[in-house]
Amino acid sequence: MLEALGDTRVVLVMGARQVGKSTLTRAIATEDRPARILTLDDKTTRDSAIADPTAFIAGIDGPVLLDEVQRSPELLFAIKEAVDRDPTPGQFLLTGSANVLTAPKVYEALTGRIEIVRLWPLSQAEIEGSDTNLVDALFATRPPQITGAPIGRDAFVERAAQGGYPEARLRSGSRRDRWFENYLTTTFERDLRELADVQKLEELSRLLRLLATQTANLFVSANLAGRLRISDKTVESYTRLLETIFLIKRLPAWRPGLGAREIHAPKTHLVDTGLLAHLLGANEQRIRTDDQITGKVFENFVTIEILKHSEWALTRTRQYHYRDGRDEVDLVLENRAGELVAIEAKAAATINERDHRTLRKLRDRRQERFLAGAVMYTGAETIPLSERIWAVPVSSLWNR
């Protein structure tokens, strides 16, 4: 983020509520790059910004942190005008708990002037103070050589149930559930009512709970619409809203041809496994013992942790899932050169031939463009399975 402020006029930190955006940016604005701090959660400040965005921005002298900028999106046009007159880097540090760039006009206005930093719930590497990055390691074809890792479901269950929201991690049992209940109520009532005219928040809440049961499955709006008794268009609209406030993540399908990717169904994941466990009504014991729950939570856990690694990896990638008939791969990462890393998640302590069959098929089809495949599992050791394919303990995601 400091690098971005050093060479970019506007830096926008986006992420869900309660992931630490305000804490992080306020620390930067008070210690690393001193700036005035204004929050649009303050009614007087917000009313002034909404009433006359141009005058509001013109009245700010020097660098500024504007917190919760999604509460007055029109400010972004005024910011565009200001930085066009003065291209000095680091003038505006913004935060938003909703993706204000989903409006095409806003996105176009700030193109070339803004750098986006996505802030997720805490990764397990951040929690452990580790600088490990599995994405870079796999693209370098050097997976972490782990030995003596925790074995079995205890390797991930507690971490998955806690999730990455800092406040939720401080609680357990019913107190954590109560936190998530309040979190969802606040998020729906504040962000969604500001972003769209959502007449039936209960329908949206039901959709989120249904998506939790379908995590890591293909997203087919017609199927969801039938179960919820609402229209396909409503499902699509509400799902976009859930993405806009960073509660879910859709992974597009990977295909060798770029155009083919656009016509295949994405997969959905919850952005936090603590939230997922809450929506599924699953405590640590159920995640550990209920096979239907275990597989969903483990794949979601691995996928989201790797997406977090992708944010700070030196290797810039796009993220996909892969499905071709019966062949499936949970996560495919593609760099700008078209080279691939493919990852499967298996909540088991042993790996058999079937568990990496599709990785081998994909390797053989893509040949030199396939750099590495990994089966993330709950075993103790990093084990070579085949050429450029390894079984890798899930603890490699946070091992120091």
Protein backbone atom coordinates (compact mmCIF):
# COMPACT_ATOMS: atom_id res chain seq x y z
CA MET A 1 0.00 0.00 0.00
CA LEU A 2 2.84 2.40 0.79
CA GLU A 3 4.36 1.66 -2.63
CA ALA A 4 1.03 2.46 -4.26
CA LEU A 5 0.78 5.79 -2.41
CA GLY A 6 4.27 6.60 -3.62
CA ASP A 7 3.40 6.52 -7.31
CA THR A 8 -0.41 6.59 -7.66
CA ARG A 9 -2.76 9.53 -7.21
CA VAL A 10 -5.64 7.58 -5.63
CA VAL A 11 -5.42 4.36 -3.61
CA LEU A 12 -8.65 2.56 -2.74
CA VAL A 13 -8.67 -0.10 -0.02
CA MET A 14 -11.73 -2.31 -0.49
CA GLY A 15 -13.03 -5.20 1.57
CA ALA A 16 -15.82 -6.45 3.78
CA ARG A 17 -16.81 -4.68 6.96
CA GLN A 18 -14.72 -5.51 10.02
CA VAL A 19 -11.64 -6.80 8.16
CA GLY A 20 -9.43 -3.94 9.43
CA LYS A 21 -9.53 -1.36 6.62
CA SER A 22 -9.98 1.62 8.94
CA THR A 23 -7.40 0.39 11.44
CA LEU A 24 -4.78 -0.17 8.73
CA THR A 25 -5.36 3.04 6.81
CA ARG A 26 -5.55 5.19 9.94
CA ALA A 27 -2.19 3.80 11.03
CA ILE A 28 -0.74 4.77 7.66
CA ALA A 29 -2.35 8.23 7.76
CA THR A 30 -1.01 8.97 11.25
CA GLU A 31 2.42 7.32 11.10
CA ASP A 32 3.75 6.49 7.63
CA ARG A 33 2.19 9.11 5.36
CA PRO A 34 0.51 11.81 7.49
CA ALA A 35 -2.88 12.81 6.12
CA ARG A 36 -6.11 14.38 7.24
CA ILE A 37 -8.67 11.75 8.28
CA LEU A 38 -12.36 12.09 7.41
CA THR A 39 -15.01 9.42 7.71
CA LEU A 40 -18.29 9.38 5.83
CA ASP A 41 -19.82 7.46 8.71
CA ASP A 42 -20.00 10.89 10.36
CA LYS A 43 -23.37 12.36 9.35
CA THR A 44 -22.18 15.96 9.07
CA THR A 45 -19.25 14.97 6.89
CA ARG A 46 -21.43 12.70 4.77
CA ASP A 47 -24.15 15.31 4.28
CA SER A 48 -21.58 17.86 3.16
CA ALA A 49 -20.00 15.41 0.70
CA ILE A 50 -23.36 14.45 -0.79
CA ALA A 51 -24.63 18.02 -1.04
CA ASP A 52 -21.67 19.36 -3.04
CA PRO A 53 -18.93 16.80 -3.82
CA THR A 54 -16.81 19.25 -5.82
CA ALA A 55 -16.76 21.88 -3.07
CA PHE A 56 -16.11 19.19 -0.46
CA ILE A 57 -13.00 17.94 -2.26
CA ALA A 58 -11.83 21.46 -3.13
CA GLY A 59 -11.94 22.32 0.56
CA ILE A 60 -9.43 19.64 1.48
CA ASP A 61 -5.85 20.87 1.66
CA GLY A 62 -3.18 18.21 1.39
CA PRO A 63 -3.35 14.38 1.50
CA VAL A 64 -6.53 12.89 2.96
CA LEU A 65 -7.90 9.57 4.11
CA LEU A 66 -11.60 9.27 3.24
CA ASP A 67 -13.12 6.34 5.13
CA GLU A 68 -16.24 4.51 3.84
CA VAL A 69 -16.32 6.35 0.53
CA GLN A 70 -19.13 4.13 -0.78
CA ARG A 71 -21.51 6.25 1.28
CA SER A 72 -21.01 9.08 -1.23
CA PRO A 73 -19.91 7.59 -4.59
CA GLU A 74 -20.26 10.94 -6.37
CA LEU A 75 -17.12 12.02 -4.53
CA LEU A 76 -15.11 9.86 -6.91
CA PHE A 77 -15.96 12.12 -9.85
CA ALA A 78 -14.83 15.16 -7.86
CA ILE A 79 -11.63 13.31 -6.92
CA LYS A 80 -11.05 12.55 -10.60
CA GLU A 81 -11.25 16.26 -11.44
CA ALA A 82 -8.89 17.15 -8.58
CA VAL A 83 -6.17 14.64 -9.51
CA ASP A 84 -6.42 15.58 -13.19
CA ARG A 85 -5.49 19.14 -12.21
CA ASP A 86 -2.75 17.98 -9.85
CA PRO A 87 -1.18 14.53 -10.58
CA THR A 88 0.84 14.38 -7.37
CA PRO A 89 0.91 10.77 -6.06
CA GLY A 90 -0.66 9.83 -2.75
CA GLN A 91 -3.28 12.58 -2.55
CA PHE A 92 -6.25 10.35 -1.71
CA LEU A 93 -6.36 7.19 0.37
CA LEU A 94 -9.89 5.80 0.30
CA THR A 95 -11.62 2.87 1.98
CA GLY A 96 -14.85 1.16 1.01
CA SER A 97 -16.78 -1.79 2.41
CA ALA A 98 -18.69 -2.05 -0.87
CA ASN A 99 -17.23 -2.14 -4.34
CA VAL A 100 -17.97 1.38 -5.55
CA LEU A 101 -16.27 0.61 -8.87
CA THR A 102 -19.09 -1.68 -9.97
CA ALA A 103 -20.74 1.35 -11.57
CA PRO A 104 -19.18 1.57 -15.08
CA LYS A 105 -19.07 5.38 -15.11
CA VAL A 106 -17.18 5.44 -11.80
CA TYR A 107 -14.70 2.81 -13.01
CA GLU A 108 -14.08 4.65 -16.27
CA ALA A 109 -13.61 7.97 -14.48
CA LEU A 110 -10.76 6.67 -12.34
CA THR A 111 -9.04 4.39 -14.86
CA GLY A 112 -5.32 5.11 -14.87
CA ARG A 113 -5.57 7.22 -11.73
CA ILE A 114 -6.32 4.61 -9.06
CA GLU A 115 -4.76 1.50 -7.56
CA ILE A 116 -7.04 -0.94 -5.77
CA VAL A 117 -5.91 -2.85 -2.69
CA ARG A 118 -8.29 -5.65 -1.69
CA LEU A 119 -8.34 -6.45 1.99
CA TRP A 120 -9.66 -9.88 2.94
CA PRO A 121 -10.39 -11.29 6.38
CA LEU A 122 -7.08 -12.24 7.99
CA SER A 123 -5.22 -15.04 6.27
CA GLN A 124 -3.77 -17.87 8.32
CA ALA A 125 -0.29 -16.67 7.28
CA GLU A 126 -1.03 -13.21 8.72
CA ILE A 127 -2.38 -14.75 11.93
CA GLU A 128 0.83 -16.77 12.32
CA GLY A 129 3.11 -13.90 11.29
CA SER A 130 4.39 -15.90 8.32
CA ASP A 131 5.61 -14.46 5.01
CA THR A 132 5.09 -17.75 3.16
CA ASN A 133 3.38 -17.49 -0.22
CA LEU A 134 2.18 -20.71 -1.77
CA VAL A 135 1.29 -19.07 -5.08
CA ASP A 136 4.83 -17.88 -5.73
CA ALA A 137 6.25 -21.21 -4.55
CA LEU A 138 4.11 -23.24 -6.95
CA PHE A 139 4.78 -20.97 -9.93
CA ALA A 140 8.48 -21.45 -9.17
CA THR A 141 7.79 -25.24 -9.12
CA ARG A 142 9.16 -25.36 -5.58
CA PRO A 143 6.31 -26.32 -3.23
CA PRO A 144 7.09 -25.90 0.48
CA GLN A 145 8.84 -28.99 1.80
CA ILE A 146 6.75 -29.64 4.90
CA THR A 147 7.49 -32.39 7.41
CA GLY A 148 5.74 -33.29 10.64
CA ALA A 149 2.59 -31.28 9.93
CA PRO A 150 -0.58 -31.92 11.98
CA ILE A 151 -2.43 -34.94 10.63
CA GLY A 152 -6.15 -35.31 9.95
CA ARG A 153 -9.02 -32.91 10.34
CA ASP A 154 -7.54 -31.30 13.43
CA ALA A 155 -5.05 -29.72 11.01
CA PHE A 156 -7.64 -27.19 9.86
CA VAL A 157 -10.97 -27.47 11.74
CA GLU A 158 -10.34 -24.91 14.47
CA ARG A 159 -8.84 -22.42 12.02
CA ALA A 160 -11.71 -22.82 9.57
CA ALA A 161 -14.36 -22.41 12.28
CA GLN A 162 -12.73 -19.23 13.58
CA GLY A 163 -12.32 -17.66 10.14
CA GLY A 164 -10.44 -14.43 9.61
CA TYR A 165 -12.60 -11.59 10.93
CA PRO A 166 -10.52 -10.18 13.82
CA GLU A 167 -13.49 -9.58 16.15
CA ALA A 168 -15.08 -12.98 15.49
CA ARG A 169 -11.79 -14.72 16.25
CA LEU A 170 -11.92 -13.36 19.79
CA ARG A 171 -15.17 -15.25 20.44
CA SER A 172 -16.26 -18.87 20.45
CA GLY A 173 -19.45 -20.90 20.40
CA SER A 174 -22.68 -18.94 20.81
CA ARG A 175 -20.85 -15.65 21.23
CA ARG A 176 -19.23 -16.02 17.79
CA ASP A 177 -22.61 -16.93 16.31
CA ARG A 178 -24.15 -13.83 17.86
CA TRP A 179 -21.35 -11.71 16.37
CA PHE A 180 -22.03 -13.07 12.88
CA GLU A 181 -25.79 -12.51 13.29
CA ASN A 182 -25.20 -8.86 14.16
CA TYR A 183 -22.59 -8.51 11.44
CA LEU A 184 -24.95 -9.69 8.71
CA THR A 185 -27.82 -7.56 10.00
CA THR A 186 -25.66 -4.44 10.03
CA THR A 187 -24.14 -5.17 6.62
CA PHE A 188 -27.49 -5.76 4.97
CA GLU A 189 -29.20 -2.80 6.58
CA ARG A 190 -26.42 -0.28 5.89
CA ASP A 191 -24.56 -1.23 2.75
CA LEU A 192 -27.29 -2.89 0.73
CA ARG A 193 -29.89 -0.21 1.37
CA GLU A 194 -27.34 2.39 0.22
CA LEU A 195 -26.32 0.44 -2.89
CA ALA A 196 -29.70 -0.62 -4.22
CA ASP A 197 -33.41 -0.53 -3.63
CA VAL A 198 -33.58 -3.97 -2.06
CA GLN A 199 -37.20 -4.43 -1.16
CA LYS A 200 -36.91 -7.87 0.33
CA LEU A 201 -33.79 -8.23 2.45
CA GLU A 202 -35.15 -11.51 3.79
CA GLU A 203 -34.95 -12.97 0.28
CA LEU A 204 -31.35 -11.87 0.01
CA SER A 205 -30.58 -13.40 3.40
CA ARG A 206 -32.16 -16.67 2.26
CA LEU A 207 -30.05 -16.59 -0.90
CA LEU A 208 -26.87 -16.17 1.13
CA ARG A 209 -27.79 -19.14 3.33
CA LEU A 210 -28.53 -21.22 0.24
CA LEU A 211 -25.23 -20.22 -1.35
CA ALA A 212 -23.51 -21.38 1.83
CA THR A 213 -25.00 -24.85 1.38
CA GLN A 214 -23.88 -24.76 -2.26
CA THR A 215 -20.36 -23.48 -1.62
CA ALA A 216 -17.81 -24.86 -4.08
CA ASN A 217 -20.66 -25.87 -6.41
CA LEU A 218 -21.48 -24.47 -9.83
CA PHE A 219 -23.57 -21.31 -9.75
CA VAL A 220 -26.72 -21.90 -11.82
CA SER A 221 -29.18 -19.11 -11.17
CA ALA A 222 -32.18 -21.07 -12.48
CA ASN A 223 -31.63 -23.81 -9.91
CA LEU A 224 -31.36 -21.33 -7.07
CA ALA A 225 -34.36 -19.37 -8.30
CA GLY A 226 -36.52 -22.49 -8.27
CA ARG A 227 -35.60 -23.30 -4.70
CA LEU A 228 -36.16 -19.74 -3.50
CA ARG A 229 -39.26 -19.13 -5.66
CA ILE A 230 -37.90 -15.94 -7.10
CA SER A 231 -36.85 -15.08 -10.65
CA ASP A 232 -33.50 -15.84 -12.30
CA LYS A 233 -32.92 -12.11 -12.72
CA THR A 234 -33.47 -11.51 -9.01
CA VAL A 235 -30.97 -14.25 -8.12
CA GLU A 236 -28.39 -12.72 -10.48
CA SER A 237 -29.00 -9.23 -9.13
CA TYR A 238 -28.84 -10.27 -5.48
CA THR A 239 -25.74 -12.38 -6.06
CA ARG A 240 -23.97 -9.39 -7.59
CA LEU A 241 -24.91 -7.39 -4.51
CA LEU A 242 -23.44 -10.07 -2.22
CA GLU A 243 -20.22 -9.87 -4.24
CA THR A 244 -20.30 -6.09 -4.10
CA ILE A 245 -20.23 -6.16 -0.29
CA PHE A 246 -17.55 -8.88 -0.28
CA LEU A 247 -19.53 -11.72 1.28
CA ILE A 248 -19.14 -14.16 -1.60
CA LYS A 249 -16.62 -14.79 -4.35
CA ARG A 250 -17.45 -16.26 -7.74
CA LEU A 251 -14.70 -18.13 -9.59
CA PRO A 252 -15.12 -18.16 -13.38
CA ALA A 253 -14.52 -21.32 -15.38
CA TRP A 254 -11.13 -21.88 -17.01
CA ARG A 255 -10.93 -23.10 -20.60
CA PRO A 256 -7.99 -23.07 -23.04
CA GLY A 257 -9.86 -20.65 -25.32
CA LEU A 258 -10.49 -17.22 -23.81
CA GLY A 259 -13.98 -16.90 -25.27
CA ALA A 260 -15.05 -20.31 -23.98
CA ARG A 261 -14.55 -19.18 -20.39
CA GLU A 262 -17.42 -16.75 -20.58
CA ILE A 263 -20.14 -19.33 -21.33
CA HIS A 264 -19.46 -21.79 -18.52
CA ALA A 265 -20.87 -21.53 -15.02
CA PRO A 266 -18.76 -20.07 -12.21
CA LYS A 267 -18.38 -21.60 -8.75
CA THR A 268 -19.27 -19.74 -5.58
CA HIS A 269 -17.41 -19.54 -2.29
CA LEU A 270 -18.01 -17.66 0.95
CA VAL A 271 -15.17 -15.22 1.60
CA ASP A 272 -14.74 -16.46 5.17
CA THR A 273 -15.07 -19.97 6.57
CA GLY A 274 -16.13 -18.67 9.98
CA LEU A 275 -19.09 -17.02 8.27
CA LEU A 276 -19.67 -20.20 6.25
CA ALA A 277 -19.73 -22.34 9.41
CA HIS A 278 -22.19 -19.92 11.00
CA LEU A 279 -24.54 -20.05 8.00
CA LEU A 280 -24.34 -23.85 7.91
CA GLY A 281 -25.03 -24.09 11.64
CA ALA A 282 -21.79 -26.05 12.02
CA ASN A 283 -19.55 -25.93 15.07
CA GLU A 284 -16.05 -27.40 15.19
CA GLN A 285 -17.32 -30.85 16.12
CA ARG A 286 -19.67 -30.99 13.15
CA ILE A 287 -17.00 -29.77 10.74
CA ARG A 288 -14.77 -32.53 12.07
CA THR A 289 -17.29 -35.39 11.90
CA ASP A 290 -19.95 -34.61 9.28
CA ASP A 291 -18.43 -35.59 5.93
CA GLN A 292 -20.86 -33.44 3.95
CA ILE A 293 -19.82 -30.39 5.93
CA THR A 294 -16.13 -31.28 6.11
CA GLY A 295 -15.55 -31.39 2.36
CA LYS A 296 -17.37 -28.10 1.69
CA VAL A 297 -15.58 -26.25 4.46
CA PHE A 298 -12.15 -27.61 3.53
CA GLU A 299 -12.43 -26.71 -0.16
CA ASN A 300 -13.74 -23.24 0.72
CA PHE A 301 -10.96 -22.81 3.31
CA VAL A 302 -8.17 -23.80 0.92
CA THR A 303 -9.55 -21.81 -2.01
CA ILE A 304 -10.02 -18.58 -0.08
CA GLU A 305 -6.65 -18.84 1.66
CA ILE A 306 -4.93 -19.23 -1.72
CA LEU A 307 -6.86 -16.28 -3.12
CA LYS A 308 -5.54 -14.25 -0.19
CA HIS A 309 -2.00 -15.38 -1.04
CA SER A 310 -2.64 -14.25 -4.62
CA GLU A 311 -3.21 -10.68 -3.42
CA TRP A 312 0.36 -10.28 -2.16
CA ALA A 313 2.12 -12.75 -4.47
CA LEU A 314 4.83 -11.44 -6.77
CA THR A 315 3.26 -13.56 -9.49
CA ARG A 316 0.12 -11.81 -10.73
CA THR A 317 -2.59 -14.29 -11.60
CA ARG A 318 -6.22 -14.73 -12.53
CA GLN A 319 -8.15 -17.38 -10.62
CA TYR A 320 -10.55 -19.96 -12.04
CA HIS A 321 -12.06 -23.37 -11.49
CA TYR A 322 -11.95 -26.11 -14.14
CA ARG A 323 -14.60 -28.56 -15.20
CA ASP A 324 -14.69 -30.65 -18.36
CA GLY A 325 -17.25 -33.43 -18.22
CA ARG A 326 -16.39 -35.43 -15.11
CA ASP A 327 -12.95 -33.86 -14.78
CA GLU A 328 -12.81 -31.13 -12.14
CA VAL A 329 -10.07 -29.02 -10.55
CA ASP A 330 -10.95 -26.84 -7.59
CA LEU A 331 -8.65 -23.93 -8.42
CA VAL A 332 -6.62 -22.95 -11.48
CA LEU A 333 -4.24 -19.97 -11.39
CA GLU A 334 -3.06 -18.49 -14.68
CA ASN A 335 -0.27 -15.91 -14.98
CA ARG A 336 0.08 -13.32 -17.71
CA ALA A 337 2.17 -15.71 -19.82
CA GLY A 338 -0.66 -18.25 -19.86
CA GLU A 339 1.17 -20.63 -17.52
CA LEU A 340 -0.91 -22.63 -15.06
CA VAL A 341 -0.88 -23.87 -11.50
CA ALA A 342 -3.73 -26.22 -10.55
CA ILE A 343 -4.84 -27.07 -7.01
CA GLU A 344 -7.14 -29.71 -5.57
CA ALA A 345 -8.40 -29.75 -1.97
CA LYS A 346 -8.87 -33.11 -0.24
CA ALA A 347 -9.77 -33.23 3.45
CA ALA A 348 -7.91 -36.51 3.91
CA ALA A 349 -4.60 -37.56 5.45
CA THR A 350 -3.76 -39.92 2.57
CA ILE A 351 -3.88 -39.41 -1.18
CA ASN A 352 -4.65 -42.04 -3.80
CA GLU A 353 -4.29 -42.13 -7.57
CA ARG A 354 -7.83 -40.87 -8.19
CA ASP A 355 -7.17 -37.70 -6.19
CA HIS A 356 -4.69 -36.35 -8.75
CA ARG A 357 -5.95 -37.97 -11.96
CA THR A 358 -7.45 -34.73 -13.32
CA LEU A 359 -4.30 -32.80 -12.46
CA ARG A 360 -2.32 -35.27 -14.57
CA LYS A 361 -4.79 -34.95 -17.44
CA LEU A 362 -4.57 -31.17 -17.34
CA ARG A 363 -0.76 -31.34 -17.20
CA ASP A 364 -0.63 -33.64 -20.22
CA ARG A 365 -3.01 -31.41 -22.20
CA ARG A 366 -1.22 -28.16 -21.44
CA GLN A 367 2.29 -29.66 -21.44
CA GLU A 368 4.93 -26.98 -20.78
CA ARG A 369 2.32 -24.38 -19.83
CA PHE A 370 1.37 -26.49 -16.81
CA LEU A 371 3.97 -25.53 -14.20
CA ALA A 372 2.74 -27.29 -11.06
CA GLY A 373 -0.15 -29.15 -9.51
CA ALA A 374 -0.86 -29.55 -5.80
CA VAL A 375 -3.27 -31.68 -3.84
CA MET A 376 -3.78 -29.83 -0.57
CA TYR A 377 -4.43 -32.45 2.10
CA THR A 378 -4.27 -33.07 5.85
CA GLY A 379 -1.21 -35.29 5.85
CA ALA A 380 2.16 -34.70 7.46
CA GLU A 381 4.57 -34.47 4.52
CA THR A 382 5.07 -32.86 1.12
CA ILE A 383 5.10 -35.84 -1.24
CA PRO A 384 5.82 -35.97 -5.00
CA LEU A 385 2.90 -37.73 -6.71
CA SER A 386 3.83 -37.41 -10.37
CA GLU A 387 5.86 -35.15 -12.60
CA ARG A 388 5.26 -31.55 -11.40
CA ILE A 389 2.48 -32.70 -9.06
CA TRP A 390 2.74 -32.91 -5.27
CA ALA A 391 0.65 -33.65 -2.22
CA VAL A 392 1.11 -30.59 0.02
CA PRO A 393 -0.02 -30.34 3.67
CA VAL A 394 -2.61 -27.64 4.26
CA SER A 395 -0.30 -26.13 6.89
CA SER A 396 1.89 -24.90 4.01
CA LEU A 397 -0.58 -22.01 3.82
CA TRP A 398 0.75 -20.61 7.09
CA ASN A 399 3.97 -22.52 7.85
CA ARG A 400 6.79 -20.12 8.72
